């Protein structure tokens, strides 16, 4: 009995840490995804979406800076939800906002402000990740969702 109590006491902190946060911005998404869907190719995720890419870009513009321009982004899984993630840059090119659009109903689920420095630092890293993911798909034949199509 003591061993059971000790095992539960040791496991409880890990279970709490692994649980998703109750205040997730994506808790109200309309398209919950499963583990199986997580390994789907971008083209397969696109087929599941009820909102197409062009519509999601228009919606993202409403959640970003005034007179903004949609940059990189695309469809992906985020916190168990199927979403479009678009970087909307301000007309001055100094600041921007990452806008997450629900791929099922087109609602904006979350926005994150970004500065020019962060975006400039992300660019080479994002390109490297994109090329690596494409290479993995070609060589292994295994799907990868770590890259997105450029608009």
N, C-alpha and C. Protein backbone atom coordinates (compact mmCIF):
# COMPACT_ATOMS: atom_id res chain seq x y z
N UNK A 1 0.82 -1.19 0.00
CA UNK A 1 0.00 0.00 0.00
C UNK A 1 0.87 1.26 0.00
N UNK A 2 1.97 1.23 0.79
CA UNK A 2 2.86 2.37 0.83
C UNK A 2 3.48 2.64 -0.54
N UNK A 3 3.79 1.58 -1.25
CA UNK A 3 4.39 1.73 -2.58
C UNK A 3 3.41 2.41 -3.53
N UNK A 4 2.15 2.05 -3.44
CA UNK A 4 1.13 2.66 -4.29
C UNK A 4 1.00 4.15 -4.00
N UNK A 5 0.99 4.50 -2.74
CA UNK A 5 0.87 5.90 -2.35
C UNK A 5 2.10 6.69 -2.82
N UNK A 6 3.27 6.11 -2.67
CA UNK A 6 4.49 6.77 -3.12
C UNK A 6 4.49 6.92 -4.64
N UNK A 7 4.07 5.88 -5.35
CA UNK A 7 4.02 5.94 -6.81
C UNK A 7 3.06 7.04 -7.28
N UNK A 8 1.90 7.13 -6.66
CA UNK A 8 0.92 8.15 -7.03
C UNK A 8 1.47 9.54 -6.71
N UNK A 9 2.09 9.68 -5.56
CA UNK A 9 2.66 10.97 -5.16
C UNK A 9 3.75 11.42 -6.12
N UNK A 10 4.54 10.48 -6.61
CA UNK A 10 5.60 10.82 -7.55
C UNK A 10 5.04 11.11 -8.95
N UNK A 11 4.01 10.41 -9.35
CA UNK A 11 3.45 10.56 -10.69
C UNK A 11 2.56 11.78 -10.83
N UNK A 12 1.93 12.22 -9.76
CA UNK A 12 0.96 13.32 -9.82
C UNK A 12 1.54 14.60 -10.42
N UNK A 13 2.72 15.06 -10.00
CA UNK A 13 3.25 16.30 -10.60
C UNK A 13 3.46 16.18 -12.12
N UNK A 14 3.88 15.00 -12.56
CA UNK A 14 4.09 14.81 -14.00
C UNK A 14 2.76 14.83 -14.75
N UNK A 15 1.74 14.25 -14.18
CA UNK A 15 0.41 14.24 -14.81
C UNK A 15 -0.15 15.64 -14.91
N UNK A 16 0.02 16.43 -13.87
CA UNK A 16 -0.48 17.81 -13.89
C UNK A 16 0.28 18.63 -14.92
N UNK A 17 1.59 18.44 -14.99
CA UNK A 17 2.41 19.17 -15.95
C UNK A 17 2.04 18.81 -17.39
N UNK A 18 1.72 17.55 -17.65
CA UNK A 18 1.40 17.08 -19.00
C UNK A 18 0.01 17.49 -19.45
N UNK A 19 -0.86 17.81 -18.54
CA UNK A 19 -2.23 18.19 -18.90
C UNK A 19 -2.23 19.53 -19.62
N UNK A 20 -3.08 19.68 -20.66
CA UNK A 20 -3.12 20.95 -21.38
C UNK A 20 -3.68 22.05 -20.48
N UNK A 21 -3.23 23.27 -20.68
CA UNK A 21 -3.74 24.36 -19.85
C UNK A 21 -5.22 24.60 -20.11
N UNK A 22 -5.96 24.88 -19.06
CA UNK A 22 -7.40 25.09 -19.19
C UNK A 22 -7.71 26.38 -19.93
N UNK A 23 -6.79 27.33 -19.93
CA UNK A 23 -7.04 28.62 -20.55
C UNK A 23 -6.45 28.72 -21.95
N UNK A 24 -6.30 27.61 -22.64
CA UNK A 24 -5.76 27.61 -23.99
C UNK A 24 -6.61 28.49 -24.90
N UNK A 25 -5.93 29.28 -25.72
CA UNK A 25 -6.64 30.16 -26.65
C UNK A 25 -7.38 29.36 -27.71
N UNK A 26 -7.00 28.11 -27.86
CA UNK A 26 -7.61 27.28 -28.90
C UNK A 26 -8.70 26.36 -28.36
N UNK A 27 -9.13 26.55 -27.14
CA UNK A 27 -10.13 25.66 -26.55
C UNK A 27 -11.46 25.73 -27.28
N UNK A 28 -11.74 26.85 -27.95
CA UNK A 28 -13.01 27.02 -28.65
C UNK A 28 -12.92 26.74 -30.15
N UNK A 29 -11.86 26.05 -30.58
CA UNK A 29 -11.74 25.79 -32.01
C UNK A 29 -12.81 24.79 -32.46
N UNK A 30 -13.16 24.87 -33.72
CA UNK A 30 -14.23 24.02 -34.23
C UNK A 30 -13.73 22.70 -34.80
N UNK A 31 -12.42 22.58 -35.04
CA UNK A 31 -11.88 21.37 -35.64
C UNK A 31 -10.78 20.78 -34.77
N UNK A 32 -11.18 19.94 -33.83
CA UNK A 32 -10.22 19.24 -32.97
C UNK A 32 -9.55 18.15 -33.79
N UNK A 33 -8.25 17.97 -33.57
CA UNK A 33 -7.49 17.00 -34.33
C UNK A 33 -7.01 15.88 -33.42
N UNK A 34 -6.77 14.72 -34.01
CA UNK A 34 -6.28 13.56 -33.27
C UNK A 34 -4.79 13.38 -33.52
N UNK A 35 -4.18 12.47 -32.81
CA UNK A 35 -2.76 12.18 -33.00
C UNK A 35 -2.51 11.72 -34.43
N UNK A 36 -3.42 10.93 -34.98
CA UNK A 36 -3.29 10.45 -36.36
C UNK A 36 -3.22 11.63 -37.33
N UNK A 37 -4.08 12.63 -37.11
CA UNK A 37 -4.10 13.80 -37.97
C UNK A 37 -2.81 14.61 -37.86
N UNK A 38 -2.16 14.56 -36.71
CA UNK A 38 -0.95 15.34 -36.48
C UNK A 38 0.17 14.99 -37.45
N UNK A 39 0.19 13.76 -37.94
CA UNK A 39 1.24 13.36 -38.86
C UNK A 39 0.81 13.48 -40.32
N UNK A 40 -0.30 14.12 -40.57
CA UNK A 40 -0.80 14.29 -41.93
C UNK A 40 0.03 15.33 -42.68
N UNK A 41 0.10 15.16 -43.99
CA UNK A 41 0.76 16.13 -44.84
C UNK A 41 -0.10 17.39 -44.90
N UNK A 42 0.53 18.50 -45.27
CA UNK A 42 -0.19 19.76 -45.39
C UNK A 42 -1.36 19.63 -46.36
N UNK A 43 -1.16 18.92 -47.45
CA UNK A 43 -2.22 18.77 -48.44
C UNK A 43 -3.42 18.02 -47.86
N UNK A 44 -3.15 17.05 -46.97
CA UNK A 44 -4.24 16.32 -46.34
C UNK A 44 -4.96 17.18 -45.31
N UNK A 45 -4.20 17.99 -44.57
CA UNK A 45 -4.82 18.91 -43.62
C UNK A 45 -5.71 19.91 -44.36
N UNK A 46 -5.25 20.38 -45.52
CA UNK A 46 -6.01 21.34 -46.32
C UNK A 46 -7.36 20.76 -46.74
N UNK A 47 -7.38 19.46 -47.05
CA UNK A 47 -8.63 18.81 -47.46
C UNK A 47 -9.63 18.76 -46.31
N UNK A 48 -9.15 18.70 -45.08
CA UNK A 48 -10.03 18.66 -43.91
C UNK A 48 -10.63 20.02 -43.58
N UNK A 49 -9.95 21.08 -43.97
CA UNK A 49 -10.39 22.43 -43.63
C UNK A 49 -11.68 22.80 -44.35
N UNK A 50 -12.55 23.50 -43.65
CA UNK A 50 -13.80 23.99 -44.24
C UNK A 50 -13.61 25.40 -44.81
N UNK A 51 -12.61 26.11 -44.31
CA UNK A 51 -12.26 27.44 -44.79
C UNK A 51 -11.03 27.28 -45.68
N UNK A 52 -11.06 27.85 -46.89
CA UNK A 52 -9.90 27.68 -47.76
C UNK A 52 -8.81 28.71 -47.43
N UNK A 53 -7.65 28.51 -48.00
CA UNK A 53 -6.49 29.33 -47.69
C UNK A 53 -6.70 30.80 -48.01
N UNK A 54 -7.29 31.09 -49.16
CA UNK A 54 -7.52 32.49 -49.56
C UNK A 54 -8.45 33.20 -48.58
N UNK A 55 -9.53 32.50 -48.17
CA UNK A 55 -10.45 33.09 -47.20
C UNK A 55 -9.76 33.35 -45.87
N UNK A 56 -8.92 32.41 -45.44
CA UNK A 56 -8.23 32.57 -44.16
C UNK A 56 -7.28 33.76 -44.18
N UNK A 57 -6.66 34.04 -45.32
CA UNK A 57 -5.78 35.20 -45.43
C UNK A 57 -6.57 36.49 -45.27
N UNK A 58 -7.75 36.55 -45.90
CA UNK A 58 -8.59 37.75 -45.78
C UNK A 58 -9.02 37.96 -44.33
N UNK A 59 -9.36 36.87 -43.67
CA UNK A 59 -9.77 36.95 -42.27
C UNK A 59 -8.59 37.41 -41.41
N UNK A 60 -7.40 36.87 -41.68
CA UNK A 60 -6.20 37.24 -40.91
C UNK A 60 -5.91 38.73 -41.02
N UNK A 61 -6.16 39.32 -42.18
CA UNK A 61 -5.93 40.75 -42.36
C UNK A 61 -6.77 41.58 -41.40
N UNK A 62 -7.96 41.09 -41.05
CA UNK A 62 -8.82 41.84 -40.12
C UNK A 62 -8.30 41.78 -38.69
N UNK A 63 -7.46 40.79 -38.38
CA UNK A 63 -6.93 40.66 -37.03
C UNK A 63 -5.53 41.23 -36.86
N UNK A 64 -4.94 41.67 -37.95
CA UNK A 64 -3.59 42.22 -37.90
C UNK A 64 -3.59 43.73 -37.95
N UNK A 65 -2.42 44.31 -38.17
CA UNK A 65 -2.30 45.77 -38.24
C UNK A 65 -3.11 46.35 -39.41
N UNK A 66 -3.60 47.58 -39.21
CA UNK A 66 -4.35 48.25 -40.27
C UNK A 66 -3.44 48.40 -41.49
N UNK A 67 -3.98 48.19 -42.67
CA UNK A 67 -3.23 48.23 -43.92
C UNK A 67 -2.08 47.22 -43.93
N UNK A 68 -2.25 46.10 -43.23
CA UNK A 68 -1.22 45.07 -43.15
C UNK A 68 -1.18 44.22 -44.41
N UNK A 69 -0.14 43.40 -44.48
CA UNK A 69 0.06 42.51 -45.62
C UNK A 69 0.38 41.12 -45.08
N UNK A 70 -0.30 40.10 -45.61
CA UNK A 70 -0.07 38.73 -45.16
C UNK A 70 1.27 38.24 -45.67
N UNK A 71 2.07 37.71 -44.75
CA UNK A 71 3.37 37.15 -45.10
C UNK A 71 3.32 35.65 -45.06
N UNK A 72 4.32 35.07 -44.41
CA UNK A 72 4.42 33.61 -44.35
C UNK A 72 3.31 33.03 -43.49
N UNK A 73 3.08 31.74 -43.69
CA UNK A 73 2.09 31.05 -42.88
C UNK A 73 1.45 29.91 -43.64
N UNK A 74 0.41 29.37 -43.06
CA UNK A 74 -0.29 28.27 -43.69
C UNK A 74 -1.06 27.46 -42.68
N UNK A 75 -1.55 26.32 -43.13
CA UNK A 75 -2.36 25.46 -42.28
C UNK A 75 -1.46 24.60 -41.40
N UNK A 76 -1.89 24.40 -40.15
CA UNK A 76 -1.11 23.59 -39.22
C UNK A 76 -1.99 23.17 -38.05
N UNK A 77 -1.43 22.28 -37.25
CA UNK A 77 -2.09 21.90 -36.01
C UNK A 77 -1.45 22.68 -34.88
N UNK A 78 -2.28 23.27 -34.05
CA UNK A 78 -1.79 24.04 -32.90
C UNK A 78 -2.65 23.68 -31.71
N UNK A 79 -2.04 23.17 -30.67
CA UNK A 79 -2.76 22.78 -29.45
C UNK A 79 -3.96 21.88 -29.74
N UNK A 80 -3.81 20.94 -30.68
CA UNK A 80 -4.87 19.99 -30.99
C UNK A 80 -5.96 20.53 -31.90
N UNK A 81 -5.76 21.68 -32.51
CA UNK A 81 -6.76 22.29 -33.38
C UNK A 81 -6.17 22.53 -34.78
N UNK A 82 -7.03 22.44 -35.77
CA UNK A 82 -6.62 22.73 -37.14
C UNK A 82 -6.81 24.23 -37.37
N UNK A 83 -5.70 24.93 -37.62
CA UNK A 83 -5.75 26.38 -37.77
C UNK A 83 -4.86 26.82 -38.93
N UNK A 84 -5.13 28.04 -39.39
CA UNK A 84 -4.21 28.73 -40.28
C UNK A 84 -3.46 29.72 -39.41
N UNK A 85 -2.17 29.78 -39.57
CA UNK A 85 -1.34 30.73 -38.85
C UNK A 85 -0.70 31.65 -39.88
N UNK A 86 -1.03 32.93 -39.82
CA UNK A 86 -0.50 33.90 -40.78
C UNK A 86 0.23 35.03 -40.07
N UNK A 87 1.36 35.43 -40.61
CA UNK A 87 2.10 36.58 -40.10
C UNK A 87 1.64 37.79 -40.92
N UNK A 88 0.99 38.74 -40.27
CA UNK A 88 0.49 39.93 -40.94
C UNK A 88 1.40 41.09 -40.53
N UNK A 89 2.13 41.63 -41.51
CA UNK A 89 3.07 42.72 -41.25
C UNK A 89 2.40 44.06 -41.50
N UNK A 90 2.74 45.03 -40.65
CA UNK A 90 2.24 46.39 -40.81
C UNK A 90 2.83 46.99 -42.08
N UNK A 91 2.17 48.02 -42.60
CA UNK A 91 2.62 48.67 -43.83
C UNK A 91 4.04 49.22 -43.69
N UNK A 92 4.43 49.64 -42.48
CA UNK A 92 5.77 50.17 -42.27
C UNK A 92 6.83 49.08 -42.22
N UNK A 93 6.42 47.82 -42.13
CA UNK A 93 7.35 46.70 -42.11
C UNK A 93 8.10 46.52 -40.80
N UNK A 94 7.77 47.33 -39.79
CA UNK A 94 8.48 47.26 -38.52
C UNK A 94 7.84 46.33 -37.51
N UNK A 95 6.54 46.21 -37.56
CA UNK A 95 5.83 45.37 -36.61
C UNK A 95 4.84 44.48 -37.34
N UNK A 96 4.37 43.49 -36.63
CA UNK A 96 3.39 42.59 -37.22
C UNK A 96 2.65 41.82 -36.15
N UNK A 97 1.75 41.00 -36.60
CA UNK A 97 0.93 40.19 -35.72
C UNK A 97 0.78 38.82 -36.33
N UNK A 98 0.95 37.78 -35.50
CA UNK A 98 0.64 36.44 -35.96
C UNK A 98 -0.82 36.19 -35.63
N UNK A 99 -1.59 35.83 -36.64
CA UNK A 99 -3.03 35.65 -36.49
C UNK A 99 -3.37 34.18 -36.73
N UNK A 100 -4.07 33.58 -35.76
CA UNK A 100 -4.48 32.18 -35.86
C UNK A 100 -5.96 32.14 -36.22
N UNK A 101 -6.28 31.57 -37.39
CA UNK A 101 -7.65 31.50 -37.89
C UNK A 101 -8.13 30.06 -37.83
N UNK A 102 -9.30 29.85 -37.26
CA UNK A 102 -9.91 28.51 -37.16
C UNK A 102 -10.20 28.01 -38.58
N UNK A 103 -9.67 26.84 -38.93
CA UNK A 103 -9.85 26.28 -40.27
C UNK A 103 -11.25 25.72 -40.49
N UNK A 104 -12.04 25.64 -39.42
CA UNK A 104 -13.39 25.11 -39.54
C UNK A 104 -14.45 26.17 -39.73
N UNK A 105 -14.33 27.29 -39.01
CA UNK A 105 -15.38 28.31 -39.10
C UNK A 105 -14.87 29.70 -39.41
N UNK A 106 -13.56 29.88 -39.52
CA UNK A 106 -13.00 31.17 -39.89
C UNK A 106 -12.87 32.18 -38.76
N UNK A 107 -13.15 31.78 -37.53
CA UNK A 107 -12.99 32.70 -36.40
C UNK A 107 -11.52 32.91 -36.09
N UNK A 108 -11.19 34.11 -35.66
CA UNK A 108 -9.83 34.37 -35.19
C UNK A 108 -9.76 33.86 -33.76
N UNK A 109 -8.86 32.90 -33.53
CA UNK A 109 -8.73 32.28 -32.22
C UNK A 109 -7.74 33.00 -31.32
N UNK A 110 -6.70 33.59 -31.94
CA UNK A 110 -5.65 34.20 -31.13
C UNK A 110 -4.81 35.11 -32.02
N UNK A 111 -4.24 36.16 -31.43
CA UNK A 111 -3.27 37.00 -32.12
C UNK A 111 -2.08 37.21 -31.20
N UNK A 112 -0.90 37.32 -31.79
CA UNK A 112 0.34 37.56 -31.04
C UNK A 112 1.11 38.67 -31.73
N UNK A 113 1.42 39.72 -31.00
CA UNK A 113 2.19 40.85 -31.56
C UNK A 113 3.63 40.41 -31.78
N UNK A 114 4.21 40.91 -32.88
CA UNK A 114 5.60 40.60 -33.20
C UNK A 114 6.31 41.88 -33.58
N UNK A 115 7.58 41.93 -33.28
CA UNK A 115 8.40 43.07 -33.67
C UNK A 115 9.28 42.71 -34.84
N UNK A 116 9.90 43.70 -35.44
CA UNK A 116 10.75 43.48 -36.60
C UNK A 116 11.95 42.61 -36.26
N UNK A 117 12.52 42.80 -35.07
CA UNK A 117 13.71 42.04 -34.67
C UNK A 117 13.38 40.56 -34.61
N UNK A 118 12.26 40.22 -33.98
CA UNK A 118 11.89 38.81 -33.86
C UNK A 118 11.66 38.20 -35.24
N UNK A 119 10.94 38.92 -36.10
CA UNK A 119 10.65 38.41 -37.43
C UNK A 119 11.94 38.23 -38.23
N UNK A 120 12.86 39.17 -38.12
CA UNK A 120 14.13 39.07 -38.85
C UNK A 120 14.95 37.88 -38.36
N UNK A 121 14.92 37.61 -37.07
CA UNK A 121 15.66 36.48 -36.53
C UNK A 121 15.02 35.16 -36.91
N UNK A 122 13.70 35.13 -37.04
CA UNK A 122 13.00 33.89 -37.37
C UNK A 122 13.23 33.47 -38.81
N UNK A 123 13.42 34.41 -39.70
CA UNK A 123 13.45 34.13 -41.13
C UNK A 123 14.43 33.03 -41.52
N UNK A 124 15.73 33.13 -41.17
CA UNK A 124 16.67 32.07 -41.57
C UNK A 124 16.34 30.73 -40.91
N UNK A 125 15.90 30.76 -39.68
CA UNK A 125 15.56 29.52 -38.97
C UNK A 125 14.35 28.86 -39.63
N UNK A 126 13.32 29.65 -39.95
CA UNK A 126 12.14 29.11 -40.59
C UNK A 126 12.47 28.50 -41.95
N UNK A 127 13.32 29.15 -42.72
CA UNK A 127 13.69 28.64 -44.04
C UNK A 127 14.44 27.31 -43.90
N UNK A 128 15.33 27.22 -42.91
CA UNK A 128 16.07 25.98 -42.68
C UNK A 128 15.12 24.85 -42.29
N UNK A 129 14.16 25.14 -41.40
CA UNK A 129 13.19 24.13 -41.00
C UNK A 129 12.34 23.68 -42.18
N UNK A 130 11.94 24.64 -43.00
CA UNK A 130 11.11 24.32 -44.17
C UNK A 130 11.86 23.40 -45.13
N UNK A 131 13.12 23.71 -45.42
CA UNK A 131 13.91 22.88 -46.33
C UNK A 131 14.17 21.50 -45.75
N UNK A 132 14.44 21.43 -44.46
CA UNK A 132 14.67 20.14 -43.81
C UNK A 132 13.42 19.27 -43.86
N UNK A 133 12.25 19.86 -43.62
CA UNK A 133 11.01 19.10 -43.64
C UNK A 133 10.69 18.58 -45.05
N UNK A 134 10.91 19.42 -46.04
CA UNK A 134 10.67 19.00 -47.43
C UNK A 134 11.62 17.86 -47.81
N UNK A 135 12.88 17.98 -47.38
CA UNK A 135 13.85 16.93 -47.66
C UNK A 135 13.47 15.63 -46.99
N UNK A 136 12.99 15.70 -45.77
CA UNK A 136 12.56 14.51 -45.04
C UNK A 136 11.42 13.81 -45.78
N UNK A 137 10.45 14.60 -46.25
CA UNK A 137 9.32 14.01 -46.97
C UNK A 137 9.78 13.30 -48.24
N UNK A 138 10.72 13.90 -48.96
CA UNK A 138 11.20 13.30 -50.21
C UNK A 138 12.01 12.02 -49.95
N UNK A 139 12.89 12.07 -48.96
CA UNK A 139 13.79 10.94 -48.71
C UNK A 139 13.09 9.78 -48.01
N UNK A 140 12.35 10.07 -46.96
CA UNK A 140 11.75 9.00 -46.17
C UNK A 140 10.33 8.64 -46.59
N UNK A 141 9.67 9.56 -47.28
CA UNK A 141 8.28 9.33 -47.65
C UNK A 141 7.33 9.56 -46.49
N UNK A 142 7.89 9.92 -45.33
CA UNK A 142 7.06 10.19 -44.16
C UNK A 142 6.54 11.62 -44.22
N UNK A 143 5.28 11.83 -43.83
CA UNK A 143 4.73 13.19 -43.86
C UNK A 143 5.37 14.08 -42.81
N UNK A 144 5.39 15.35 -43.10
CA UNK A 144 5.91 16.32 -42.16
C UNK A 144 5.01 17.54 -42.19
N UNK A 145 4.71 18.08 -41.01
CA UNK A 145 3.88 19.30 -40.94
C UNK A 145 4.69 20.46 -40.39
N UNK A 146 6.00 20.37 -40.44
CA UNK A 146 6.82 21.42 -39.86
C UNK A 146 7.19 22.51 -40.86
N UNK A 147 6.68 22.43 -42.09
CA UNK A 147 6.93 23.51 -43.03
C UNK A 147 5.60 23.97 -43.59
N UNK A 148 5.60 25.17 -44.11
CA UNK A 148 4.38 25.71 -44.68
C UNK A 148 4.69 26.32 -46.03
N UNK A 149 3.67 26.33 -46.89
CA UNK A 149 3.84 26.92 -48.21
C UNK A 149 3.92 28.43 -48.07
N UNK A 150 4.76 29.03 -48.87
CA UNK A 150 4.82 30.49 -48.87
C UNK A 150 3.66 31.00 -49.70
N UNK A 151 3.08 32.12 -49.30
CA UNK A 151 1.95 32.66 -50.05
C UNK A 151 2.35 33.16 -51.41
